Amino acid sequence: MRKLGNLLLILFTALLFSGCDKMPFMGTTKPVKQIKQGPPAGETVVAKVGDFYITGSDLDKEVDNFNSLASAQKLDKNKIDTIDKKIKYLRDELVRKYILYQEALDRGLDKKPEIAKELEAAKMNLLIGELLRKEIEKIDVSSKDIEDFYEQNKEMLKEPEQRKILEIMTPTEDEAKQVYIELLKGTDFSSLARQYSRAKTASSGGDVGFMTYEATPEKRIRSEKFYEVAFAPSLEVGGVSSIFKGPDGFYIIKLDNIKKSEPKTLAELRDNIKSWLLFEKQQKAIVELANKLSGETKIEIYEEKVR
C-alpha cells in the first residue's frame, strides 16, 4: 500500500513539475517508439524500458521536480540527495512509470476521446507557451529606458513623509487640561506621558513611532481626528497640539520628528524599474501579436449558442 502511495505521489509530482515535452504521456496521442531511432544523440542512457530510453537528463529533471515538491511540503528528509537514492528512485519509480505508460498505450487508452482531448489541450498550452517564450525572449530594457522612466516618475517614486508622534491620552478633559498646563510650564512631554497617560504607549513616554498619512480609512491605525491633528501643516517639529477628543479619551500629541518625502535613488530602484518595464514590453508584444494574428484569421463566434 505504501508503494502504491509513493507511485501516486511520483505521478502527481511529474504532472505538476515536469516539463511536459519530456514526459512520455504528455506528447502526441501516438506513442513515440524511440528504439526505432536509436538512443538519443549526445545523451547518456541510464535505463531502457521496453522501447523507451531514459537519459541522465531525464532522471535529473525528475529528481529535481521530486525534491522541489518535497521542499514545498516541508519534507526535506525525503529528498533524493545521494547517488544511492537516485538509483533507487530510477529503479523503483521512474522505470515503473514507463512500464505503466506502455501498458496504457497497449490498452489503447490514448485513443479514448476524453483522453485524446486532454492531451490535445496540454499540447496546445505547451505550444502557446513556447511561442510566447520565443516572442518575448528577444525583448530587453535598455539603461536609457530605465533612466527615462525614473526621471519621468521621480515624484511618484518618493517615499511618503513620516511623522514621529508622541501622545498623552487621559480619560477626562479636566485631566487633559491639567497636563496641558504642565506642558505650558515646560515640563517634559515624555515624563508627563509616563505619569498621566492612559494610552498603551505611556510606558515608552507616549512614543507612537513614525506614522505615514493613510488616505484610506481602512488602513488607518488611529482615528480620523488623530491623523487630522498629527498631519496638520500648522504642527511643526517640537510643537504640541491642542486638546482633542478621541474614541477613548482626550488627547494631546507632540510632533517629535519628520522624515521628509524623498525619492529613492536610481541605483536603489534600477532592478525594480527594469522588471516593471520588461513586463510591460512583454505584455504589449503579446497583445500586438494576438491582434496581428486575429486580423489574419477567420473567426466565427456564435454568441446565441452560449448557455
Foldseek 3Di string as FASTA:
>chain_A
DVLVVVQVVLVVLCVVFNPLVPDQLLAALAGDQCQVVPDPPPFAFPDDAHSDTQTPVNLVRSLVSVCVVCVVVVNNVPHQDDPVSSVCCVVSHVSVVVVVVVVCVVVVVSVPVVNNVVSVVSVVVSVVVVVLCVLQVPDFADPVNLVVVCVVCQVVQWDAKKWWKFKAFAAAPVLVVVLVVVVVVPPDQLVVLLVGGPDPCSVVSRTPGIDGDDPDPVPDPADPVVSCQRPPPVQDAQRKDDWDDGPRGIMIMHGNDMDHTGHDDSVVCVVVSRVVVSVVVSVVSVVVVVVVVVVVDDDDDDVVPDD
